[in-house]
Structures are given as C-alpha cells and as structure tokens.
Amino acid sequence: MRLRHRKWSNDVLLDNKDIARNLEDFSPESIATFDNLEIGSGCGGFLLEVCKLHPEEKYLGVEINRNAFAIAVKKASEVKEERKNFLLLNAPIERIFPLIQDHQLNNIYLNFSDPWPKKRQMHRRLSYPTRLKEYLRILKEDGTLYFRTDNASLFEDTIEYFKEVDLYDFTIIEPFYSEKVDYLPPTEYETKFREKGVDIHLLIAKPKKK
C-alpha cells in the first residue's frame, strides 16, 4: 500500500520524540529494555493494541517507511499518556539486529511484510532463511515468532523457508481471523484485506527444543 507524505508529518515527529525516534536520536543501549519486537510496524495499529493488552511488557516497533511511521506516531501520540510501554523507531531492521542481545525477546511479529516477489529480491523478505536464523538468536528459548500475510505465494515460500532451516516447530492457521483470538489484534492492512474477502494466513513458530 503506497502512502503519501502528510504535511503535518515533520511537526508530529518533532513533537513526539519521547515515543518516536530515528537512528540519529536513538540510544542503542535502550534496546535491552524491550521484550517484544514488531518488524514493519506500518501505521501502528497492531503495536498500539497489543501493548494495551500487555502493559507489563515493552514493545519496539521498527518501520523503515517514513510516511507510515509518521501516521503511526500520530496515532500513538493520542494514547501515549495511558500506554507507556512502547517505542516507535524509523530505521532499517538490519541496523537494529546487532543491538539486540541473544535470547532477549519474548515475541517477534511480522505482519503483512513486503512480499518482494521478484526472484532477485527474495533475499530481502523478512521470512527468508537468513532472517529466520537471526530471529532464533534474539528469541528466548520459549519465545514465539508470528508471521501473518495475505499473500498466498509468500506464505507458501515461507513454509518452505522454515522447513529448510529446520530450527523451529511451527503451526499454520489459514484462514486466520483476528476476532477469534485475543493475542493478535488486527492490523490496518488486515482490516482492508478482509473487507475485500481476502484470506489471511498465519504461521506461529517456536524454537526447537535443544
């Protein structure tokens, strides 16, 4: 979904540096305080709902697209007084991985990631085998990885990626309905896709027991 630049974006970002950062004004050591990570947090709907459900946990949402990031920050600014357990970060995830400690995270969320359909681009997918190995490093031994998409081809490939690395036990739920669970609120994209009758696919993975 292509998002246009909003005239208010810069003002919103400047006014909300307490909850929204970029790499230039981000303190790397603060990464250690987070229990959960959403990669590609988009417009922020999921992150803001899940942090409300679990105020005892801390959530980091990383989004590379500045337009989506600005929308998320605007939404977050409206609830930040009541939800103190999240931070939004405008950065490429590759710059964040080295800052995360081994076995730090309870959960990693991949919601409606870019499918990168061209063969030469597939290595950029967030569910590509090299990524899955990195997630294993930063997940707790009893942690969970959630992968949710509307793209059937990406989902099929992702299943094969998990089989290839053979590092996780995983279950598949398709079609998936957010309203039937209390642990995965819908994202903005999911709501739009479901209104169009598009099926949603979910893979839930946990590190294999050693």
N, C-alpha and C. Protein backbone atom coordinates (compact mmCIF):
# COMPACT_ATOMS: atom_id res chain seq x y z
N MET A 1 0.84 -1.19 0.00
CA MET A 1 0.00 0.00 0.00
C MET A 1 0.88 1.24 0.00
N ARG A 2 0.77 2.08 -1.00
CA ARG A 2 1.59 3.27 -1.11
C ARG A 2 0.98 4.40 -0.28
N LEU A 3 1.79 5.01 0.55
CA LEU A 3 1.31 6.08 1.43
C LEU A 3 1.96 7.40 1.03
N ARG A 4 1.15 8.43 0.95
CA ARG A 4 1.67 9.74 0.56
C ARG A 4 2.17 10.50 1.78
N HIS A 5 3.04 11.46 1.51
CA HIS A 5 3.58 12.30 2.57
C HIS A 5 2.49 13.25 3.09
N ARG A 6 2.37 13.35 4.40
CA ARG A 6 1.43 14.29 5.01
C ARG A 6 2.15 15.57 5.41
N LYS A 7 1.50 16.70 5.21
CA LYS A 7 2.12 17.99 5.52
C LYS A 7 2.46 18.11 7.01
N TRP A 8 1.69 17.43 7.84
CA TRP A 8 1.88 17.55 9.28
C TRP A 8 2.97 16.62 9.81
N SER A 9 3.53 15.78 8.96
CA SER A 9 4.45 14.72 9.42
C SER A 9 5.61 15.26 10.25
N ASN A 10 6.33 16.23 9.72
CA ASN A 10 7.52 16.72 10.42
C ASN A 10 7.19 17.29 11.79
N ASP A 11 6.08 18.01 11.88
CA ASP A 11 5.69 18.59 13.17
C ASP A 11 5.35 17.49 14.18
N VAL A 12 4.63 16.49 13.72
CA VAL A 12 4.26 15.38 14.61
C VAL A 12 5.50 14.65 15.11
N LEU A 13 6.44 14.41 14.23
CA LEU A 13 7.66 13.70 14.62
C LEU A 13 8.48 14.53 15.61
N LEU A 14 8.57 15.82 15.38
CA LEU A 14 9.33 16.69 16.28
C LEU A 14 8.68 16.77 17.65
N ASP A 15 7.35 16.75 17.68
CA ASP A 15 6.62 16.90 18.94
C ASP A 15 6.55 15.62 19.77
N ASN A 16 6.97 14.50 19.19
CA ASN A 16 6.78 13.22 19.87
C ASN A 16 8.05 12.37 19.93
N LYS A 17 9.15 13.03 20.17
CA LYS A 17 10.42 12.30 20.24
C LYS A 17 10.52 11.41 21.48
N ASP A 18 9.58 11.57 22.40
CA ASP A 18 9.56 10.68 23.56
C ASP A 18 9.09 9.28 23.18
N ILE A 19 8.33 9.17 22.10
CA ILE A 19 7.82 7.86 21.69
C ILE A 19 8.24 7.46 20.28
N ALA A 20 8.95 8.35 19.57
CA ALA A 20 9.30 8.09 18.18
C ALA A 20 10.72 8.59 17.91
N ARG A 21 11.56 7.70 17.44
CA ARG A 21 12.96 8.05 17.21
C ARG A 21 13.42 7.59 15.84
N ASN A 22 14.55 8.16 15.42
CA ASN A 22 15.28 7.60 14.29
C ASN A 22 16.68 7.27 14.80
N LEU A 23 17.53 6.75 13.94
CA LEU A 23 18.83 6.29 14.41
C LEU A 23 19.69 7.41 14.97
N GLU A 24 19.48 8.63 14.49
CA GLU A 24 20.29 9.75 14.92
C GLU A 24 20.01 10.15 16.38
N ASP A 25 18.77 9.96 16.83
CA ASP A 25 18.45 10.35 18.20
C ASP A 25 18.03 9.17 19.06
N PHE A 26 18.54 8.01 18.70
CA PHE A 26 18.19 6.78 19.41
C PHE A 26 19.36 6.31 20.25
N SER A 27 19.07 5.89 21.45
CA SER A 27 20.10 5.37 22.35
C SER A 27 20.20 3.86 22.22
N PRO A 28 21.25 3.34 21.62
CA PRO A 28 21.35 1.89 21.35
C PRO A 28 21.18 1.02 22.59
N GLU A 29 21.69 1.49 23.73
CA GLU A 29 21.61 0.65 24.93
C GLU A 29 20.17 0.47 25.41
N SER A 30 19.26 1.34 24.99
CA SER A 30 17.87 1.21 25.41
C SER A 30 17.19 -0.01 24.79
N ILE A 31 17.77 -0.56 23.75
CA ILE A 31 17.21 -1.76 23.11
C ILE A 31 17.02 -2.89 24.13
N ALA A 32 17.93 -2.96 25.09
CA ALA A 32 17.91 -4.06 26.06
C ALA A 32 16.67 -4.05 26.94
N THR A 33 15.91 -2.96 26.95
CA THR A 33 14.74 -2.88 27.83
C THR A 33 13.48 -3.46 27.20
N PHE A 34 13.55 -3.84 25.91
CA PHE A 34 12.34 -4.29 25.22
C PHE A 34 12.22 -5.82 25.22
N ASP A 35 10.96 -6.27 25.38
CA ASP A 35 10.68 -7.70 25.42
C ASP A 35 10.13 -8.22 24.09
N ASN A 36 9.61 -7.32 23.26
CA ASN A 36 8.90 -7.72 22.05
C ASN A 36 9.25 -6.79 20.90
N LEU A 37 9.23 -7.34 19.68
CA LEU A 37 9.63 -6.58 18.51
C LEU A 37 8.64 -6.82 17.37
N GLU A 38 8.15 -5.73 16.78
CA GLU A 38 7.40 -5.83 15.53
C GLU A 38 8.26 -5.22 14.43
N ILE A 39 8.55 -6.02 13.41
CA ILE A 39 9.35 -5.55 12.29
C ILE A 39 8.41 -5.17 11.15
N GLY A 40 8.44 -3.92 10.78
CA GLY A 40 7.48 -3.42 9.79
C GLY A 40 6.18 -3.07 10.49
N SER A 41 6.25 -2.12 11.42
CA SER A 41 5.07 -1.80 12.23
C SER A 41 4.05 -0.94 11.50
N GLY A 42 4.38 -0.51 10.27
CA GLY A 42 3.40 0.17 9.43
C GLY A 42 2.77 1.37 10.10
N CYS A 43 1.46 1.45 10.07
CA CYS A 43 0.73 2.59 10.63
C CYS A 43 0.45 2.45 12.12
N GLY A 44 0.98 1.43 12.75
CA GLY A 44 0.99 1.34 14.20
C GLY A 44 -0.20 0.71 14.88
N GLY A 45 -1.23 0.35 14.12
CA GLY A 45 -2.44 -0.15 14.75
C GLY A 45 -2.23 -1.38 15.61
N PHE A 46 -1.51 -2.35 15.09
CA PHE A 46 -1.27 -3.58 15.85
C PHE A 46 -0.46 -3.31 17.11
N LEU A 47 0.65 -2.61 16.97
CA LEU A 47 1.54 -2.38 18.11
C LEU A 47 0.82 -1.66 19.24
N LEU A 48 0.02 -0.65 18.90
CA LEU A 48 -0.66 0.12 19.93
C LEU A 48 -1.73 -0.70 20.64
N GLU A 49 -2.32 -1.66 19.94
CA GLU A 49 -3.33 -2.52 20.58
C GLU A 49 -2.68 -3.58 21.45
N VAL A 50 -1.61 -4.20 20.95
CA VAL A 50 -1.01 -5.30 21.72
C VAL A 50 -0.31 -4.78 22.97
N CYS A 51 0.23 -3.55 22.91
CA CYS A 51 0.86 -3.01 24.12
C CYS A 51 -0.20 -2.62 25.15
N LYS A 52 -1.41 -2.35 24.70
CA LYS A 52 -2.51 -2.10 25.62
C LYS A 52 -2.94 -3.39 26.32
N LEU A 53 -2.92 -4.49 25.58
CA LEU A 53 -3.30 -5.79 26.14
C LEU A 53 -2.31 -6.27 27.19
N HIS A 54 -1.03 -5.87 27.02
CA HIS A 54 0.02 -6.38 27.91
C HIS A 54 0.87 -5.22 28.44
N PRO A 55 0.34 -4.44 29.36
CA PRO A 55 1.07 -3.28 29.89
C PRO A 55 2.33 -3.67 30.65
N GLU A 56 2.45 -4.93 31.04
CA GLU A 56 3.63 -5.39 31.77
C GLU A 56 4.82 -5.65 30.85
N GLU A 57 4.58 -5.66 29.53
CA GLU A 57 5.63 -5.92 28.55
C GLU A 57 6.03 -4.61 27.84
N LYS A 58 7.21 -4.60 27.23
CA LYS A 58 7.65 -3.43 26.46
C LYS A 58 7.80 -3.81 24.99
N TYR A 59 7.29 -2.94 24.11
CA TYR A 59 7.20 -3.23 22.68
C TYR A 59 7.97 -2.20 21.85
N LEU A 60 8.78 -2.72 20.94
CA LEU A 60 9.50 -1.89 20.00
C LEU A 60 8.96 -2.14 18.60
N GLY A 61 8.52 -1.07 17.94
CA GLY A 61 8.04 -1.19 16.57
C GLY A 61 9.03 -0.52 15.63
N VAL A 62 9.56 -1.27 14.67
CA VAL A 62 10.54 -0.75 13.72
C VAL A 62 9.91 -0.65 12.34
N GLU A 63 9.97 0.53 11.75
CA GLU A 63 9.37 0.78 10.44
C GLU A 63 10.33 1.63 9.60
N ILE A 64 10.60 1.18 8.37
CA ILE A 64 11.55 1.89 7.52
C ILE A 64 10.87 2.99 6.69
N ASN A 65 9.59 2.83 6.39
CA ASN A 65 8.88 3.80 5.56
C ASN A 65 8.49 5.01 6.42
N ARG A 66 9.01 6.16 6.06
CA ARG A 66 8.79 7.36 6.90
C ARG A 66 7.34 7.82 6.88
N ASN A 67 6.63 7.65 5.78
CA ASN A 67 5.24 8.08 5.73
C ASN A 67 4.37 7.22 6.65
N ALA A 68 4.57 5.91 6.60
CA ALA A 68 3.84 5.01 7.50
C ALA A 68 4.22 5.31 8.95
N PHE A 69 5.49 5.54 9.17
CA PHE A 69 5.99 5.84 10.52
C PHE A 69 5.31 7.09 11.08
N ALA A 70 5.17 8.13 10.28
CA ALA A 70 4.54 9.36 10.74
C ALA A 70 3.08 9.13 11.13
N ILE A 71 2.38 8.32 10.34
CA ILE A 71 0.98 8.01 10.68
C ILE A 71 0.91 7.27 12.01
N ALA A 72 1.84 6.31 12.20
CA ALA A 72 1.87 5.56 13.45
C ALA A 72 2.14 6.48 14.63
N VAL A 73 3.05 7.40 14.45
CA VAL A 73 3.38 8.32 15.54
C VAL A 73 2.20 9.22 15.89
N LYS A 74 1.48 9.66 14.88
CA LYS A 74 0.30 10.49 15.15
C LYS A 74 -0.73 9.71 15.96
N LYS A 75 -0.98 8.45 15.59
CA LYS A 75 -1.91 7.62 16.36
C LYS A 75 -1.39 7.42 17.78
N ALA A 76 -0.09 7.15 17.87
CA ALA A 76 0.50 6.88 19.18
C ALA A 76 0.45 8.10 20.09
N SER A 77 0.56 9.28 19.51
CA SER A 77 0.55 10.50 20.32
C SER A 77 -0.78 10.67 21.06
N GLU A 78 -1.83 10.07 20.53
CA GLU A 78 -3.15 10.20 21.13
C GLU A 78 -3.36 9.27 22.32
N VAL A 79 -2.48 8.27 22.47
CA VAL A 79 -2.66 7.29 23.55
C VAL A 79 -1.42 7.18 24.43
N LYS A 80 -0.40 7.99 24.17
CA LYS A 80 0.87 7.79 24.88
C LYS A 80 0.79 8.08 26.38
N GLU A 81 -0.17 8.86 26.79
CA GLU A 81 -0.29 9.14 28.22
C GLU A 81 -0.80 7.93 29.00
N GLU A 82 -1.55 7.07 28.32
CA GLU A 82 -2.08 5.89 29.00
C GLU A 82 -1.29 4.62 28.71
N ARG A 83 -0.48 4.64 27.66
CA ARG A 83 0.33 3.48 27.30
C ARG A 83 1.79 3.89 27.28
N LYS A 84 2.51 3.45 28.29
CA LYS A 84 3.90 3.88 28.47
C LYS A 84 4.90 2.81 28.05
N ASN A 85 4.45 1.77 27.40
CA ASN A 85 5.30 0.59 27.20
C ASN A 85 5.65 0.32 25.75
N PHE A 86 5.85 1.38 24.96
CA PHE A 86 6.21 1.16 23.56
C PHE A 86 7.13 2.28 23.07
N LEU A 87 7.83 1.97 21.98
CA LEU A 87 8.63 2.96 21.27
C LEU A 87 8.57 2.63 19.79
N LEU A 88 8.44 3.66 18.96
CA LEU A 88 8.45 3.51 17.51
C LEU A 88 9.80 4.00 16.98
N LEU A 89 10.38 3.24 16.08
CA LEU A 89 11.71 3.55 15.58
C LEU A 89 11.71 3.51 14.05
N ASN A 90 12.13 4.61 13.44
CA ASN A 90 12.22 4.72 11.98
C ASN A 90 13.64 4.35 11.56
N ALA A 91 13.82 3.08 11.14
CA ALA A 91 15.16 2.59 10.82
C ALA A 91 15.05 1.28 10.06
N PRO A 92 16.10 0.93 9.31
CA PRO A 92 16.15 -0.40 8.69
C PRO A 92 16.47 -1.44 9.77
N ILE A 93 15.78 -2.55 9.73
CA ILE A 93 15.95 -3.55 10.78
C ILE A 93 17.38 -4.09 10.83
N GLU A 94 18.08 -4.06 9.70
CA GLU A 94 19.46 -4.54 9.67
C GLU A 94 20.36 -3.76 10.62
N ARG A 95 20.01 -2.50 10.87
CA ARG A 95 20.81 -1.68 11.78
C ARG A 95 20.47 -1.97 13.25
N ILE A 96 19.34 -2.63 13.47
CA ILE A 96 18.87 -2.88 14.83
C ILE A 96 19.29 -4.26 15.33
N PHE A 97 19.32 -5.24 14.45
CA PHE A 97 19.67 -6.60 14.86
C PHE A 97 20.93 -6.66 15.74
N PRO A 98 22.03 -6.02 15.36
CA PRO A 98 23.25 -6.14 16.17
C PRO A 98 23.12 -5.59 17.59
N LEU A 99 22.10 -4.76 17.82
CA LEU A 99 21.92 -4.15 19.12
C LEU A 99 21.10 -5.02 20.07
N ILE A 100 20.46 -6.05 19.54
CA ILE A 100 19.60 -6.91 20.35
C ILE A 100 20.42 -8.07 20.92
N GLN A 101 20.25 -8.30 22.20
CA GLN A 101 21.01 -9.35 22.87
C GLN A 101 20.51 -10.74 22.48
N ASP A 102 21.36 -11.72 22.67
CA ASP A 102 20.97 -13.11 22.44
C ASP A 102 19.81 -13.47 23.38
N HIS A 103 18.80 -14.10 22.83
CA HIS A 103 17.67 -14.63 23.61
C HIS A 103 17.01 -13.56 24.49
N GLN A 104 16.82 -12.40 23.90
CA GLN A 104 16.23 -11.27 24.63
C GLN A 104 14.71 -11.21 24.53
N LEU A 105 14.14 -11.62 23.39
CA LEU A 105 12.76 -11.30 23.07
C LEU A 105 11.77 -12.43 23.36
N ASN A 106 10.62 -12.03 23.89
CA ASN A 106 9.52 -12.98 24.08
C ASN A 106 8.81 -13.27 22.77
N ASN A 107 8.61 -12.21 21.96
CA ASN A 107 7.85 -12.35 20.71
C ASN A 107 8.45 -11.48 19.62
N ILE A 108 8.37 -11.99 18.39
CA ILE A 108 8.68 -11.21 17.19
C ILE A 108 7.45 -11.29 16.29
N TYR A 109 7.01 -10.14 15.81
CA TYR A 109 5.82 -10.07 14.96
C TYR A 109 6.20 -9.58 13.56
N LEU A 110 5.81 -10.35 12.56
CA LEU A 110 5.97 -9.98 11.15
C LEU A 110 4.58 -9.91 10.55
N ASN A 111 4.05 -8.73 10.44
CA ASN A 111 2.67 -8.54 9.98
C ASN A 111 2.63 -7.94 8.58
N PHE A 112 2.19 -8.70 7.62
CA PHE A 112 1.96 -8.22 6.25
C PHE A 112 3.22 -7.56 5.68
N SER A 113 4.29 -8.32 5.73
CA SER A 113 5.58 -7.84 5.24
C SER A 113 5.56 -7.72 3.72
N ASP A 114 6.45 -6.89 3.20
CA ASP A 114 6.61 -6.75 1.75
C ASP A 114 6.94 -8.12 1.15
N PRO A 115 6.19 -8.58 0.14
CA PRO A 115 6.43 -9.92 -0.42
C PRO A 115 7.66 -10.02 -1.30
N TRP A 116 8.22 -8.90 -1.76
CA TRP A 116 9.39 -8.93 -2.65
C TRP A 116 9.27 -10.09 -3.64
N PRO A 117 8.35 -10.02 -4.58
CA PRO A 117 8.02 -11.16 -5.44
C PRO A 117 9.07 -11.53 -6.49
N LYS A 118 9.90 -10.57 -6.92
CA LYS A 118 10.89 -10.89 -7.94
C LYS A 118 12.01 -11.74 -7.37
N LYS A 119 12.47 -12.69 -8.14
CA LYS A 119 13.45 -13.66 -7.64
C LYS A 119 14.70 -12.98 -7.11
N ARG A 120 15.16 -11.94 -7.77
CA ARG A 120 16.38 -11.27 -7.33
C ARG A 120 16.18 -10.47 -6.03
N GLN A 121 14.91 -10.32 -5.63
CA GLN A 121 14.61 -9.56 -4.42
C GLN A 121 14.28 -10.45 -3.22
N MET A 122 14.08 -11.71 -3.45
CA MET A 122 13.54 -12.57 -2.40
C MET A 122 14.40 -12.63 -1.15
N HIS A 123 15.70 -12.40 -1.30
CA HIS A 123 16.58 -12.43 -0.12
C HIS A 123 16.25 -11.31 0.86
N ARG A 124 15.44 -10.34 0.41
CA ARG A 124 15.07 -9.22 1.27
C ARG A 124 13.82 -9.51 2.11
N ARG A 125 13.19 -10.62 1.83
CA ARG A 125 11.98 -10.98 2.59
C ARG A 125 12.31 -11.16 4.08
N LEU A 126 11.39 -10.72 4.92
CA LEU A 126 11.59 -10.85 6.35
C LEU A 126 11.49 -12.29 6.84
N SER A 127 10.99 -13.18 5.98
CA SER A 127 10.91 -14.59 6.36
C SER A 127 11.95 -15.44 5.65
N TYR A 128 12.92 -14.82 5.00
CA TYR A 128 13.97 -15.55 4.27
C TYR A 128 14.84 -16.33 5.27
N PRO A 129 15.44 -17.44 4.85
CA PRO A 129 16.20 -18.28 5.79
C PRO A 129 17.25 -17.53 6.61
N THR A 130 17.96 -16.58 6.00
CA THR A 130 18.96 -15.85 6.78
C THR A 130 18.31 -15.05 7.90
N ARG A 131 17.11 -14.55 7.66
CA ARG A 131 16.38 -13.81 8.70
C ARG A 131 15.94 -14.76 9.81
N LEU A 132 15.45 -15.92 9.42
CA LEU A 132 14.96 -16.88 10.41
C LEU A 132 16.08 -17.28 11.37
N LYS A 133 17.29 -17.38 10.87
CA LYS A 133 18.43 -17.71 11.72
C LYS A 133 18.73 -16.57 12.69
N GLU A 134 18.58 -15.34 12.23
CA GLU A 134 18.80 -14.19 13.10
C GLU A 134 17.74 -14.10 14.18
N TYR A 135 16.49 -14.39 13.82
CA TYR A 135 15.42 -14.38 14.81
C TYR A 135 15.67 -15.41 15.90
N LEU A 136 16.20 -16.55 15.52
CA LEU A 136 16.48 -17.60 16.50
C LEU A 136 17.48 -17.10 17.55
N ARG A 137 18.43 -16.32 17.11
CA ARG A 137 19.43 -15.78 18.04
C ARG A 137 18.81 -14.85 19.07
N ILE A 138 17.88 -14.02 18.65
CA ILE A 138 17.35 -13.00 19.56
C ILE A 138 16.09 -13.42 20.31
N LEU A 139 15.48 -14.53 19.90
CA LEU A 139 14.31 -15.05 20.62
C LEU A 139 14.73 -15.84 21.86
N LYS A 140 13.93 -15.72 22.91
CA LYS A 140 14.12 -16.61 24.05
C LYS A 140 13.85 -18.05 23.63
N GLU A 141 14.35 -18.97 24.39
CA GLU A 141 14.18 -20.38 24.04
C GLU A 141 12.72 -20.79 23.99
N ASP A 142 11.88 -20.10 24.77
CA ASP A 142 10.43 -20.36 24.74
C ASP A 142 9.69 -19.22 24.05
N GLY A 143 10.41 -18.40 23.28
CA GLY A 143 9.79 -17.28 22.58
C GLY A 143 8.98 -17.72 21.37
N THR A 144 8.29 -16.76 20.77
CA THR A 144 7.39 -17.07 19.65
C THR A 144 7.57 -16.06 18.52
N LEU A 145 7.54 -16.59 17.30
CA LEU A 145 7.60 -15.78 16.09
C LEU A 145 6.26 -15.90 15.38
N TYR A 146 5.63 -14.76 15.09
CA TYR A 146 4.35 -14.74 14.39
C TYR A 146 4.55 -14.14 13.00
N PHE A 147 4.12 -14.87 11.99
CA PHE A 147 4.20 -14.38 10.61
C PHE A 147 2.80 -14.39 10.02
N ARG A 148 2.32 -13.20 9.62
CA ARG A 148 0.95 -13.06 9.12
C ARG A 148 0.97 -12.34 7.78
N THR A 149 0.23 -12.87 6.80
CA THR A 149 0.22 -12.27 5.47
C THR A 149 -1.07 -12.59 4.73
N ASP A 150 -1.35 -11.77 3.72
CA ASP A 150 -2.46 -12.06 2.81
C ASP A 150 -1.94 -12.67 1.51
N ASN A 151 -0.61 -12.72 1.34
CA ASN A 151 0.00 -13.15 0.09
C ASN A 151 0.23 -14.65 0.12
N ALA A 152 -0.58 -15.39 -0.63
CA ALA A 152 -0.51 -16.86 -0.59
C ALA A 152 0.83 -17.38 -1.08
N SER A 153 1.39 -16.76 -2.11
CA SER A 153 2.67 -17.21 -2.64
C SER A 153 3.79 -17.00 -1.62
N LEU A 154 3.80 -15.84 -0.99
CA LEU A 154 4.79 -15.58 0.04
C LEU A 154 4.64 -16.56 1.19
N PHE A 155 3.41 -16.86 1.55
CA PHE A 155 3.18 -17.77 2.66
C PHE A 155 3.68 -19.17 2.33
N GLU A 156 3.41 -19.64 1.13
CA GLU A 156 3.90 -20.96 0.72
C GLU A 156 5.43 -21.00 0.73
N ASP A 157 6.06 -19.95 0.22
CA ASP A 157 7.52 -19.89 0.24
C ASP A 157 8.05 -19.86 1.66
N THR A 158 7.36 -19.14 2.53
CA THR A 158 7.80 -19.02 3.91
C THR A 158 7.76 -20.37 4.62
N ILE A 159 6.74 -21.15 4.35
CA ILE A 159 6.67 -22.50 4.91
C ILE A 159 7.90 -23.30 4.49
N GLU A 160 8.28 -23.17 3.24
CA GLU A 160 9.47 -23.88 2.74
C GLU A 160 10.74 -23.36 3.40
N TYR A 161 10.79 -22.05 3.67
CA TYR A 161 11.96 -21.49 4.35
C TYR A 161 12.11 -22.09 5.75
N PHE A 162 10.99 -22.21 6.45
CA PHE A 162 11.03 -22.80 7.79
C PHE A 162 11.48 -24.25 7.74
N LYS A 163 11.00 -24.98 6.75
CA LYS A 163 11.42 -26.37 6.60
C LYS A 163 12.91 -26.45 6.28
N GLU A 164 13.38 -25.53 5.46
CA GLU A 164 14.79 -25.53 5.05
C GLU A 164 15.73 -25.32 6.23
N VAL A 165 15.44 -24.34 7.07
CA VAL A 165 16.35 -24.06 8.18
C VAL A 165 16.21 -25.10 9.29
N ASP A 166 15.00 -25.67 9.44
CA ASP A 166 14.74 -26.73 10.41
C ASP A 166 15.16 -26.33 11.83
N LEU A 167 14.81 -25.12 12.21
CA LEU A 167 15.17 -24.61 13.52
C LEU A 167 13.97 -24.36 14.42
N TYR A 168 12.79 -24.46 13.85
CA TYR A 168 11.57 -24.14 14.57
C TYR A 168 10.54 -25.25 14.45
N ASP A 169 9.73 -25.36 15.48
CA ASP A 169 8.47 -26.09 15.37
C ASP A 169 7.41 -25.04 15.05
N PHE A 170 6.55 -25.33 14.08
CA PHE A 170 5.58 -24.31 13.70
C PHE A 170 4.22 -24.91 13.39
N THR A 171 3.22 -24.07 13.57
CA THR A 171 1.85 -24.43 13.24
C THR A 171 1.32 -23.40 12.26
N ILE A 172 0.35 -23.82 11.46
CA ILE A 172 -0.24 -22.97 10.42
C ILE A 172 -1.72 -22.80 10.69
N ILE A 173 -2.20 -21.58 10.59
CA ILE A 173 -3.63 -21.32 10.70
C ILE A 173 -4.06 -20.54 9.46
N GLU A 174 -4.92 -21.14 8.67
CA GLU A 174 -5.45 -20.45 7.49
C GLU A 174 -6.81 -21.02 7.12
N PRO A 175 -7.77 -20.17 6.90
CA PRO A 175 -7.67 -18.71 7.09
C PRO A 175 -7.66 -18.34 8.57
N PHE A 176 -7.02 -17.23 8.85
CA PHE A 176 -6.88 -16.73 10.21
C PHE A 176 -7.83 -15.56 10.42
N TYR A 177 -8.46 -15.51 11.60
CA TYR A 177 -9.39 -14.43 11.93
C TYR A 177 -8.99 -13.80 13.27
N SER A 178 -8.58 -12.55 13.23
CA SER A 178 -8.13 -11.88 14.45
C SER A 178 -9.21 -11.82 15.52
N GLU A 179 -10.45 -11.71 15.11
CA GLU A 179 -11.50 -11.56 16.11
C GLU A 179 -11.73 -12.85 16.91
N LYS A 180 -11.12 -13.94 16.48
CA LYS A 180 -11.29 -15.20 17.20
C LYS A 180 -10.19 -15.44 18.23
N VAL A 181 -9.23 -14.53 18.32
CA VAL A 181 -8.15 -14.68 19.28
C VAL A 181 -7.99 -13.38 20.06
N ASP A 182 -7.31 -13.45 21.20
CA ASP A 182 -7.11 -12.24 22.00
C ASP A 182 -5.64 -11.84 22.06
N TYR A 183 -4.79 -12.51 21.29
CA TYR A 183 -3.37 -12.22 21.36
C TYR A 183 -2.81 -11.60 20.08
N LEU A 184 -3.60 -11.53 19.02
CA LEU A 184 -3.14 -10.93 17.77
C LEU A 184 -4.20 -9.97 17.23
N PRO A 185 -4.21 -8.75 17.71
CA PRO A 185 -5.16 -7.76 17.18
C PRO A 185 -4.95 -7.56 15.67
N PRO A 186 -5.98 -7.15 14.94
CA PRO A 186 -5.83 -6.91 13.51
C PRO A 186 -4.96 -5.69 13.22
N THR A 187 -4.31 -5.71 12.09
CA THR A 187 -3.60 -4.53 11.61
C THR A 187 -4.53 -3.76 10.67
N GLU A 188 -4.12 -2.56 10.29
CA GLU A 188 -4.90 -1.79 9.32
C GLU A 188 -5.02 -2.53 8.00
N TYR A 189 -3.93 -3.16 7.57
CA TYR A 189 -3.94 -3.90 6.31
C TYR A 189 -4.91 -5.09 6.38
N GLU A 190 -4.88 -5.79 7.50
CA GLU A 190 -5.76 -6.95 7.61
C GLU A 190 -7.23 -6.54 7.49
N THR A 191 -7.58 -5.46 8.14
CA THR A 191 -8.96 -4.99 8.07
C THR A 191 -9.37 -4.70 6.63
N LYS A 192 -8.48 -4.03 5.90
CA LYS A 192 -8.78 -3.71 4.49
C LYS A 192 -8.88 -4.97 3.65
N PHE A 193 -7.96 -5.89 3.84
CA PHE A 193 -7.97 -7.12 3.05
C PHE A 193 -9.21 -7.97 3.33
N ARG A 194 -9.56 -8.06 4.60
CA ARG A 194 -10.71 -8.87 4.97
C ARG A 194 -12.00 -8.29 4.39
N GLU A 195 -12.09 -6.97 4.34
CA GLU A 195 -13.27 -6.34 3.74
C GLU A 195 -13.41 -6.70 2.27
N LYS A 196 -12.30 -7.02 1.63
CA LYS A 196 -12.31 -7.40 0.21
C LYS A 196 -12.43 -8.92 0.02
N GLY A 197 -12.57 -9.65 1.14
CA GLY A 197 -12.73 -11.10 1.06
C GLY A 197 -11.44 -11.86 0.90
N VAL A 198 -10.32 -11.22 1.20
CA VAL A 198 -9.01 -11.87 1.06
C VAL A 198 -8.71 -12.70 2.30
N ASP A 199 -8.25 -13.94 2.10
CA ASP A 199 -7.87 -14.79 3.23
C ASP A 199 -6.56 -14.33 3.85
N ILE A 200 -6.47 -14.49 5.16
CA ILE A 200 -5.26 -14.17 5.89
C ILE A 200 -4.62 -15.48 6.35
N HIS A 201 -3.29 -15.56 6.25
CA HIS A 201 -2.55 -16.77 6.61
C HIS A 201 -1.65 -16.45 7.81
N LEU A 202 -1.58 -17.37 8.74
CA LEU A 202 -0.77 -17.18 9.94
C LEU A 202 0.11 -18.39 10.19
N LEU A 203 1.38 -18.13 10.47
CA LEU A 203 2.32 -19.17 10.90
C LEU A 203 2.86 -18.76 12.27
N ILE A 204 2.80 -19.68 13.21
CA ILE A 204 3.30 -19.45 14.56
C ILE A 204 4.46 -20.41 14.79
N ALA A 205 5.63 -19.87 15.10
CA ALA A 205 6.83 -20.69 15.21
C ALA A 205 7.50 -20.50 16.58
N LYS A 206 8.07 -21.60 17.09
CA LYS A 206 8.82 -21.56 18.35
C LYS A 206 10.14 -22.30 18.13
N PRO A 207 11.22 -21.83 18.73
CA PRO A 207 12.50 -22.52 18.57
C PRO A 207 12.40 -23.99 18.99
N LYS A 208 13.02 -24.86 18.22
CA LYS A 208 13.03 -26.27 18.58
C LYS A 208 13.76 -26.47 19.90
N LYS A 209 13.26 -27.39 20.70
CA LYS A 209 13.91 -27.69 21.97
C LYS A 209 15.25 -28.36 21.72
N LYS A 210 16.27 -27.91 22.45
CA LYS A 210 17.60 -28.48 22.27
C LYS A 210 17.69 -29.81 22.98
